[in-house]
Amino acid sequence: MKAQKVDYCGLESAKIFPRTFLVAILIGFVLFSENVAIEVNIGKKPTIEVLNGTDVILPCTFTSCMDYKDSSFWWTFQKNETEPAERIIRIKLKDKKPRVTLFTEDNRLTLVGEVKNKNISLLLTDADFEDAGLYTCFFKNPQEKNQESNATLRLIVVSELVEVDNTLTTIIVSVVGGVIGFLILIFIIKKLVKLIIKQVGKKKKECLVNSCANTERGHYGSKSDLKTPPKA
């Protein structure tokens, strides 16, 4: 009887592989969770256009998977991408109670968002041409290893709001709608014509069948009816 050779290396590899696979999954989960743990959102439109002399809200909301009771929030402003950014306002939480610090002498900026609702939007009153530029909203959470997230919106201040000319769009929509309506009308007419032809053909067929049947039986007043009866 031959002794079977046991591949201990294969067995060890089989044991190590699930462990390695599990560790890789855990590492990936940790990295992924850290990347999506916090987020800042300034809305669907990254550019806001406002009329000179009017008020505008600079929107900013945040999300966090963990508690944010001691988090910090701040806004920065820069004229363009080349100039350095300057901090204009800071919101520091202490047990979720906001402490607002304004870093500019301009008191036209006001925090209107409620931090408890995860909203740190600002109100800029009486917007001026000098207010045009890039506004960046920051969020930093010590509860999540001081992770930081930010989002930037561009503010454009104009002397008058230009209405968008939708004439071309209206014409295109009207033409497309007219073509679709015309095709539908043709389709309906085609169906009606087919139905009428079918009904007329059906009636002709019935008349032809009745005519053939009457011919085989003989019509009233035909020559067969005029024949004199045979003599007894």
C-alpha atoms as a PDB file:
ATOM      1  CA  MET A   1       0.000   0.000   0.000  1.00  0.00           C
ATOM      2  CA  LYS A   2       1.476   3.293  -1.120  1.00  0.00           C
ATOM      3  CA  ALA A   3       1.526   6.204   1.279  1.00  0.00           C
ATOM      4  CA  GLN A   4      -0.246   9.316   0.043  1.00  0.00           C
ATOM      5  CA  LYS A   5       1.785  12.468  -0.113  1.00  0.00           C
ATOM      6  CA  VAL A   6       0.123  15.383   1.650  1.00  0.00           C
ATOM      7  CA  ASP A   7       0.680  18.848   0.204  1.00  0.00           C
ATOM      8  CA  TYR A   8       1.003  20.868   3.397  1.00  0.00           C
ATOM      9  CA  CYS A   9       1.921  23.973   1.413  1.00  0.00           C
ATOM     10  CA  GLY A  10      -1.393  23.774  -0.433  1.00  0.00           C
ATOM     11  CA  LEU A  11      -3.297  23.423   2.822  1.00  0.00           C
ATOM     12  CA  GLU A  12      -1.535  26.403   4.337  1.00  0.00           C
ATOM     13  CA  SER A  13      -2.217  28.451   1.213  1.00  0.00           C
ATOM     14  CA  ALA A  14      -5.896  27.508   1.378  1.00  0.00           C
ATOM     15  CA  LYS A  15      -6.029  28.683   4.985  1.00  0.00           C
ATOM     16  CA  ILE A  16      -4.136  31.914   4.343  1.00  0.00           C
ATOM     17  CA  PHE A  17      -6.162  32.959   1.277  1.00  0.00           C
ATOM     18  CA  PRO A  18      -9.493  33.576   3.089  1.00  0.00           C
ATOM     19  CA  ARG A  19      -7.708  35.548   5.783  1.00  0.00           C
ATOM     20  CA  THR A  20      -5.896  37.702   3.220  1.00  0.00           C
ATOM     21  CA  PHE A  21      -9.134  38.224   1.313  1.00  0.00           C
ATOM     22  CA  LEU A  22     -10.966  39.255   4.501  1.00  0.00           C
ATOM     23  CA  VAL A  23      -8.193  41.683   5.493  1.00  0.00           C
ATOM     24  CA  ALA A  24      -8.286  43.250   2.006  1.00  0.00           C
ATOM     25  CA  ILE A  25     -12.056  43.713   2.261  1.00  0.00           C
ATOM     26  CA  LEU A  26     -11.732  45.337   5.691  1.00  0.00           C
ATOM     27  CA  ILE A  27      -9.000  47.706   4.476  1.00  0.00           C
ATOM     28  CA  GLY A  28     -11.051  48.660   1.434  1.00  0.00           C
ATOM     29  CA  PHE A  29     -14.115  49.252   3.587  1.00  0.00           C
ATOM     30  CA  VAL A  30     -12.161  51.498   5.953  1.00  0.00           C
ATOM     31  CA  LEU A  31     -10.657  53.528   3.120  1.00  0.00           C
ATOM     32  CA  PHE A  32     -14.017  53.854   1.383  1.00  0.00           C
ATOM     33  CA  SER A  33     -15.819  54.875   4.566  1.00  0.00           C
ATOM     34  CA  GLU A  34     -13.194  57.542   5.233  1.00  0.00           C
ATOM     35  CA  ASN A  35     -13.610  58.937   1.742  1.00  0.00           C
ATOM     36  CA  VAL A  36     -17.400  59.215   1.934  1.00  0.00           C
ATOM     37  CA  ALA A  37     -17.734  59.959   5.662  1.00  0.00           C
ATOM     38  CA  ILE A  38     -18.150  63.722   5.239  1.00  0.00           C
ATOM     39  CA  GLU A  39     -19.319  65.789   2.313  1.00  0.00           C
ATOM     40  CA  VAL A  40     -20.092  69.413   1.495  1.00  0.00           C
ATOM     41  CA  ASN A  41     -22.670  70.421  -1.094  1.00  0.00           C
ATOM     42  CA  ILE A  42     -23.331  73.871  -2.579  1.00  0.00           C
ATOM     43  CA  GLY A  43     -26.298  72.817  -4.728  1.00  0.00           C
ATOM     44  CA  LYS A  44     -26.780  71.844  -8.349  1.00  0.00           C
ATOM     45  CA  LYS A  45     -25.561  75.170  -9.774  1.00  0.00           C
ATOM     46  CA  PRO A  46     -21.886  75.980  -9.102  1.00  0.00           C
ATOM     47  CA  THR A  47     -22.443  79.501 -10.467  1.00  0.00           C
ATOM     48  CA  ILE A  48     -24.870  82.071  -9.086  1.00  0.00           C
ATOM     49  CA  GLU A  49     -25.730  85.252 -10.954  1.00  0.00           C
ATOM     50  CA  VAL A  50     -27.177  88.136  -8.951  1.00  0.00           C
ATOM     51  CA  LEU A  51     -28.277  91.664  -9.742  1.00  0.00           C
ATOM     52  CA  ASN A  52     -26.197  94.473  -8.310  1.00  0.00           C
ATOM     53  CA  GLY A  53     -27.726  95.873  -5.112  1.00  0.00           C
ATOM     54  CA  THR A  54     -29.834  92.798  -4.310  1.00  0.00           C
ATOM     55  CA  ASP A  55     -29.493  90.078  -1.688  1.00  0.00           C
ATOM     56  CA  VAL A  56     -28.261  86.573  -2.395  1.00  0.00           C
ATOM     57  CA  ILE A  57     -27.964  83.350  -0.399  1.00  0.00           C
ATOM     58  CA  LEU A  58     -24.718  81.383  -0.703  1.00  0.00           C
ATOM     59  CA  PRO A  59     -25.955  77.816  -0.159  1.00  0.00           C
ATOM     60  CA  CYS A  60     -23.959  75.174   1.690  1.00  0.00           C
ATOM     61  CA  THR A  61     -25.022  71.945   3.376  1.00  0.00           C
ATOM     62  CA  PHE A  62     -22.991  69.081   4.804  1.00  0.00           C
ATOM     63  CA  THR A  63     -23.338  65.405   5.637  1.00  0.00           C
ATOM     64  CA  SER A  64     -21.550  63.311   8.236  1.00  0.00           C
ATOM     65  CA  CYS A  65     -21.782  59.648   9.170  1.00  0.00           C
ATOM     66  CA  MET A  66     -20.729  60.392  12.743  1.00  0.00           C
ATOM     67  CA  ASP A  67     -21.410  62.997  15.405  1.00  0.00           C
ATOM     68  CA  TYR A  68     -20.312  66.539  14.529  1.00  0.00           C
ATOM     69  CA  LYS A  69     -20.827  68.269  17.884  1.00  0.00           C
ATOM     70  CA  ASP A  70     -17.317  69.829  17.956  1.00  0.00           C
ATOM     71  CA  SER A  71     -16.884  70.418  14.240  1.00  0.00           C
ATOM     72  CA  SER A  72     -15.602  73.545  12.532  1.00  0.00           C
ATOM     73  CA  PHE A  73     -16.970  75.304   9.457  1.00  0.00           C
ATOM     74  CA  TRP A  74     -15.642  78.288   7.574  1.00  0.00           C
ATOM     75  CA  TRP A  75     -16.011  80.214   4.352  1.00  0.00           C
ATOM     76  CA  THR A  76     -13.247  81.717   2.229  1.00  0.00           C
ATOM     77  CA  PHE A  77     -13.337  84.246  -0.594  1.00  0.00           C
ATOM     78  CA  GLN A  78     -10.991  84.878  -3.496  1.00  0.00           C
ATOM     79  CA  LYS A  79     -11.372  87.132  -6.487  1.00  0.00           C
ATOM     80  CA  ASN A  80     -10.131  84.490  -8.896  1.00  0.00           C
ATOM     81  CA  GLU A  81      -8.163  81.232  -8.995  1.00  0.00           C
ATOM     82  CA  THR A  82      -4.783  82.994  -8.969  1.00  0.00           C
ATOM     83  CA  GLU A  83      -5.303  85.179  -5.910  1.00  0.00           C
ATOM     84  CA  PRO A  84      -4.949  83.761  -2.386  1.00  0.00           C
ATOM     85  CA  ALA A  85      -8.128  82.916  -0.489  1.00  0.00           C
ATOM     86  CA  GLU A  86      -9.024  84.820   2.659  1.00  0.00           C
ATOM     87  CA  ARG A  87     -11.236  83.493   5.434  1.00  0.00           C
ATOM     88  CA  ILE A  88     -14.395  85.573   5.849  1.00  0.00           C
ATOM     89  CA  ILE A  89     -16.397  83.699   8.478  1.00  0.00           C
ATOM     90  CA  ARG A  90     -15.973  80.757  10.877  1.00  0.00           C
ATOM     91  CA  ILE A  91     -18.562  78.681  12.689  1.00  0.00           C
ATOM     92  CA  LYS A  92     -17.208  76.671  15.598  1.00  0.00           C
ATOM     93  CA  LEU A  93     -19.476  74.175  17.348  1.00  0.00           C
ATOM     94  CA  LYS A  94     -19.364  73.538  21.052  1.00  0.00           C
ATOM     95  CA  ASP A  95     -21.833  70.762  21.889  1.00  0.00           C
ATOM     96  CA  LYS A  96     -23.594  71.643  18.628  1.00  0.00           C
ATOM     97  CA  LYS A  97     -24.001  75.293  19.652  1.00  0.00           C
ATOM     98  CA  PRO A  98     -22.534  77.531  16.915  1.00  0.00           C
ATOM     99  CA  ARG A  99     -20.103  80.320  17.690  1.00  0.00           C
ATOM    100  CA  VAL A 100     -19.808  82.630  14.714  1.00  0.00           C
ATOM    101  CA  THR A 101     -16.692  84.721  14.077  1.00  0.00           C
ATOM    102  CA  LEU A 102     -16.620  87.273  11.263  1.00  0.00           C
ATOM    103  CA  PHE A 103     -13.152  87.968   9.822  1.00  0.00           C
ATOM    104  CA  THR A 104     -14.206  91.010   7.832  1.00  0.00           C
ATOM    105  CA  GLU A 105     -15.471  94.426   8.796  1.00  0.00           C
ATOM    106  CA  ASP A 106     -18.226  94.072   6.236  1.00  0.00           C
ATOM    107  CA  ASN A 107     -21.361  93.179   8.196  1.00  0.00           C
ATOM    108  CA  ARG A 108     -23.374  92.281   5.106  1.00  0.00           C
ATOM    109  CA  LEU A 109     -22.571  88.598   5.643  1.00  0.00           C
ATOM    110  CA  THR A 110     -24.876  86.641   7.953  1.00  0.00           C
ATOM    111  CA  LEU A 111     -25.196  82.959   8.813  1.00  0.00           C
ATOM    112  CA  VAL A 112     -28.777  82.005   7.896  1.00  0.00           C
ATOM    113  CA  GLY A 113     -28.431  78.225   7.798  1.00  0.00           C
ATOM    114  CA  GLU A 114     -29.135  76.155  10.904  1.00  0.00           C
ATOM    115  CA  VAL A 115     -26.255  73.874  11.841  1.00  0.00           C
ATOM    116  CA  LYS A 116     -28.622  71.430  13.529  1.00  0.00           C
ATOM    117  CA  ASN A 117     -30.196  70.949  10.101  1.00  0.00           C
ATOM    118  CA  LYS A 118     -26.723  70.536   8.565  1.00  0.00           C
ATOM    119  CA  ASN A 119     -27.014  73.870   6.795  1.00  0.00           C
ATOM    120  CA  ILE A 120     -24.364  76.597   6.961  1.00  0.00           C
ATOM    121  CA  SER A 121     -25.601  78.868   4.180  1.00  0.00           C
ATOM    122  CA  LEU A 122     -24.730  82.571   4.203  1.00  0.00           C
ATOM    123  CA  LEU A 123     -26.778  85.619   3.304  1.00  0.00           C
ATOM    124  CA  LEU A 124     -25.010  88.406   1.434  1.00  0.00           C
ATOM    125  CA  THR A 125     -27.058  91.603   1.445  1.00  0.00           C
ATOM    126  CA  ASP A 126     -26.751  94.436  -1.058  1.00  0.00           C
ATOM    127  CA  ALA A 127     -24.369  92.554  -3.340  1.00  0.00           C
ATOM    128  CA  ASP A 128     -21.760  94.700  -5.067  1.00  0.00           C
ATOM    129  CA  PHE A 129     -19.509  94.133  -8.088  1.00  0.00           C
ATOM    130  CA  GLU A 130     -16.581  93.737  -5.677  1.00  0.00           C
ATOM    131  CA  ASP A 131     -18.359  90.732  -4.149  1.00  0.00           C
ATOM    132  CA  ALA A 132     -17.998  88.720  -7.347  1.00  0.00           C
ATOM    133  CA  GLY A 133     -15.597  85.810  -7.042  1.00  0.00           C
ATOM    134  CA  LEU A 134     -15.163  82.340  -5.581  1.00  0.00           C
ATOM    135  CA  TYR A 135     -16.760  81.379  -2.270  1.00  0.00           C
ATOM    136  CA  THR A 136     -15.625  78.099  -0.701  1.00  0.00           C
ATOM    137  CA  CYS A 137     -17.412  76.349   2.134  1.00  0.00           C
ATOM    138  CA  PHE A 138     -15.330  74.089   4.446  1.00  0.00           C
ATOM    139  CA  PHE A 139     -16.250  71.398   6.956  1.00  0.00           C
ATOM    140  CA  LYS A 140     -13.854  69.717   9.383  1.00  0.00           C
ATOM    141  CA  ASN A 141     -14.908  67.037  11.858  1.00  0.00           C
ATOM    142  CA  PRO A 142     -12.593  65.940  14.711  1.00  0.00           C
ATOM    143  CA  GLN A 143     -14.901  63.003  15.373  1.00  0.00           C
ATOM    144  CA  GLU A 144     -13.798  61.557  12.032  1.00  0.00           C
ATOM    145  CA  LYS A 145     -10.029  61.929  12.377  1.00  0.00           C
ATOM    146  CA  ASN A 146     -10.200  65.610  11.414  1.00  0.00           C
ATOM    147  CA  GLN A 147     -11.391  64.819   7.943  1.00  0.00           C
ATOM    148  CA  GLU A 148     -12.043  67.888   5.833  1.00  0.00           C
ATOM    149  CA  SER A 149     -14.291  68.564   2.875  1.00  0.00           C
ATOM    150  CA  ASN A 150     -15.123  71.674   0.853  1.00  0.00           C
ATOM    151  CA  ALA A 151     -17.070  72.939  -2.140  1.00  0.00           C
ATOM    152  CA  THR A 152     -16.730  76.121  -4.195  1.00  0.00           C
ATOM    153  CA  LEU A 153     -19.312  78.286  -5.916  1.00  0.00           C
ATOM    154  CA  ARG A 154     -18.803  81.276  -8.178  1.00  0.00           C
ATOM    155  CA  LEU A 155     -20.766  84.487  -7.634  1.00  0.00           C
ATOM    156  CA  ILE A 156     -21.324  86.803 -10.598  1.00  0.00           C
ATOM    157  CA  VAL A 157     -22.729  90.293 -10.021  1.00  0.00           C
ATOM    158  CA  VAL A 158     -24.317  92.006 -13.028  1.00  0.00           C
ATOM    159  CA  SER A 159     -25.909  95.384 -13.677  1.00  0.00           C
ATOM    160  CA  GLU A 160     -28.948  93.780 -15.277  1.00  0.00           C
ATOM    161  CA  LEU A 161     -30.214  90.274 -15.675  1.00  0.00           C
ATOM    162  CA  VAL A 162     -30.364  89.187 -19.308  1.00  0.00           C
ATOM    163  CA  GLU A 163     -33.408  87.167 -20.163  1.00  0.00           C
ATOM    164  CA  VAL A 164     -32.641  83.958 -21.974  1.00  0.00           C
ATOM    165  CA  ASP A 165     -34.021  83.959 -25.505  1.00  0.00           C
ATOM    166  CA  ASN A 166     -35.941  80.737 -25.923  1.00  0.00           C
ATOM    167  CA  THR A 167     -37.283  81.590 -29.384  1.00  0.00           C
ATOM    168  CA  LEU A 168     -35.124  79.018 -31.168  1.00  0.00           C
ATOM    169  CA  THR A 169     -35.986  76.343 -28.609  1.00  0.00           C
ATOM    170  CA  THR A 170     -39.691  77.145 -28.957  1.00  0.00           C
ATOM    171  CA  ILE A 171     -39.475  76.906 -32.750  1.00  0.00           C
ATOM    172  CA  ILE A 172     -37.656  73.570 -32.608  1.00  0.00           C
ATOM    173  CA  VAL A 173     -40.156  72.154 -30.108  1.00  0.00           C
ATOM    174  CA  SER A 174     -43.066  73.401 -32.234  1.00  0.00           C
ATOM    175  CA  VAL A 175     -41.654  71.891 -35.420  1.00  0.00           C
ATOM    176  CA  VAL A 176     -40.902  68.557 -33.762  1.00  0.00           C
ATOM    177  CA  GLY A 177     -44.360  68.538 -32.172  1.00  0.00           C
ATOM    178  CA  GLY A 178     -45.980  69.369 -35.515  1.00  0.00           C
ATOM    179  CA  VAL A 179     -44.097  66.587 -37.301  1.00  0.00           C
ATOM    180  CA  ILE A 180     -45.038  64.072 -34.621  1.00  0.00           C
ATOM    181  CA  GLY A 181     -48.675  65.205 -34.778  1.00  0.00           C
ATOM    182  CA  PHE A 182     -48.667  64.940 -38.580  1.00  0.00           C
ATOM    183  CA  LEU A 183     -47.243  61.409 -38.440  1.00  0.00           C
ATOM    184  CA  ILE A 184     -49.873  60.406 -35.884  1.00  0.00           C
ATOM    185  CA  LEU A 185     -52.599  61.865 -38.139  1.00  0.00           C
ATOM    186  CA  ILE A 186     -51.281  59.900 -41.128  1.00  0.00           C
ATOM    187  CA  PHE A 187     -51.213  56.741 -39.038  1.00  0.00           C
ATOM    188  CA  ILE A 188     -54.842  57.270 -37.965  1.00  0.00           C
ATOM    189  CA  ILE A 189     -55.976  58.000 -41.540  1.00  0.00           C
ATOM    190  CA  LYS A 190     -54.164  54.886 -42.773  1.00  0.00           C
ATOM    191  CA  LYS A 191     -55.903  52.767 -40.165  1.00  0.00           C
ATOM    192  CA  LEU A 192     -59.310  54.241 -41.091  1.00  0.00           C
ATOM    193  CA  VAL A 193     -58.741  53.650 -44.811  1.00  0.00           C
ATOM    194  CA  LYS A 194     -57.746  50.042 -44.161  1.00  0.00           C
ATOM    195  CA  LEU A 195     -60.838  49.556 -42.011  1.00  0.00           C
ATOM    196  CA  ILE A 196     -63.121  51.060 -44.668  1.00  0.00           C
ATOM    197  CA  ILE A 197     -61.555  48.941 -47.431  1.00  0.00           C
ATOM    198  CA  LYS A 198     -61.934  45.882 -45.264  1.00  0.00           C
ATOM    199  CA  GLN A 199     -65.621  46.623 -44.606  1.00  0.00           C
ATOM    200  CA  VAL A 200     -66.343  47.367 -48.303  1.00  0.00           C
ATOM    201  CA  GLY A 201     -64.563  44.173 -49.357  1.00  0.00           C
ATOM    202  CA  LYS A 202     -66.549  42.217 -46.810  1.00  0.00           C
ATOM    203  CA  LYS A 203     -69.859  43.591 -48.146  1.00  0.00           C
ATOM    204  CA  LYS A 204     -68.864  42.860 -51.763  1.00  0.00           C
ATOM    205  CA  LYS A 205     -67.995  39.323 -50.798  1.00  0.00           C
ATOM    206  CA  GLU A 206     -71.357  38.874 -49.094  1.00  0.00           C
ATOM    207  CA  CYS A 207     -73.186  40.241 -52.144  1.00  0.00           C
ATOM    208  CA  LEU A 208     -71.231  37.912 -54.452  1.00  0.00           C
ATOM    209  CA  VAL A 209     -72.055  34.890 -52.297  1.00  0.00           C
ATOM    210  CA  ASN A 210     -75.755  35.805 -52.207  1.00  0.00           C
ATOM    211  CA  SER A 211     -75.785  36.352 -55.984  1.00  0.00           C
ATOM    212  CA  CYS A 212     -74.227  32.955 -56.641  1.00  0.00           C
ATOM    213  CA  ALA A 213     -76.694  31.264 -54.312  1.00  0.00           C
ATOM    214  CA  ASN A 214     -79.673  32.899 -56.023  1.00  0.00           C
ATOM    215  CA  THR A 215     -78.349  31.900 -59.443  1.00  0.00           C
ATOM    216  CA  GLU A 216     -78.072  28.251 -58.421  1.00  0.00           C
ATOM    217  CA  ARG A 217     -81.632  28.205 -57.032  1.00  0.00           C
ATOM    218  CA  GLY A 218     -83.021  30.255 -59.921  1.00  0.00           C
ATOM    219  CA  HIS A 219     -84.477  33.704 -59.685  1.00  0.00           C
ATOM    220  CA  TYR A 220     -88.163  34.457 -59.585  1.00  0.00           C
ATOM    221  CA  GLY A 221     -89.319  35.326 -63.108  1.00  0.00           C
ATOM    222  CA  SER A 222     -86.530  33.419 -64.870  1.00  0.00           C
ATOM    223  CA  LYS A 223     -87.016  31.097 -67.827  1.00  0.00           C
ATOM    224  CA  SER A 224     -87.353  28.088 -65.560  1.00  0.00           C
ATOM    225  CA  ASP A 225     -90.382  29.739 -63.945  1.00  0.00           C
ATOM    226  CA  LEU A 226     -92.025  30.467 -67.350  1.00  0.00           C
ATOM    227  CA  LYS A 227     -91.973  26.885 -68.552  1.00  0.00           C
ATOM    228  CA  THR A 228     -95.450  25.320 -68.887  1.00  0.00           C
ATOM    229  CA  PRO A 229     -96.056  22.458 -66.587  1.00  0.00           C
ATOM    230  CA  PRO A 230     -95.970  19.043 -68.289  1.00  0.00           C
ATOM    231  CA  LYS A 231     -99.276  17.595 -69.426  1.00  0.00           C
ATOM    232  CA  ALA A 232    -100.712  14.740 -67.514  1.00  0.00           C
END
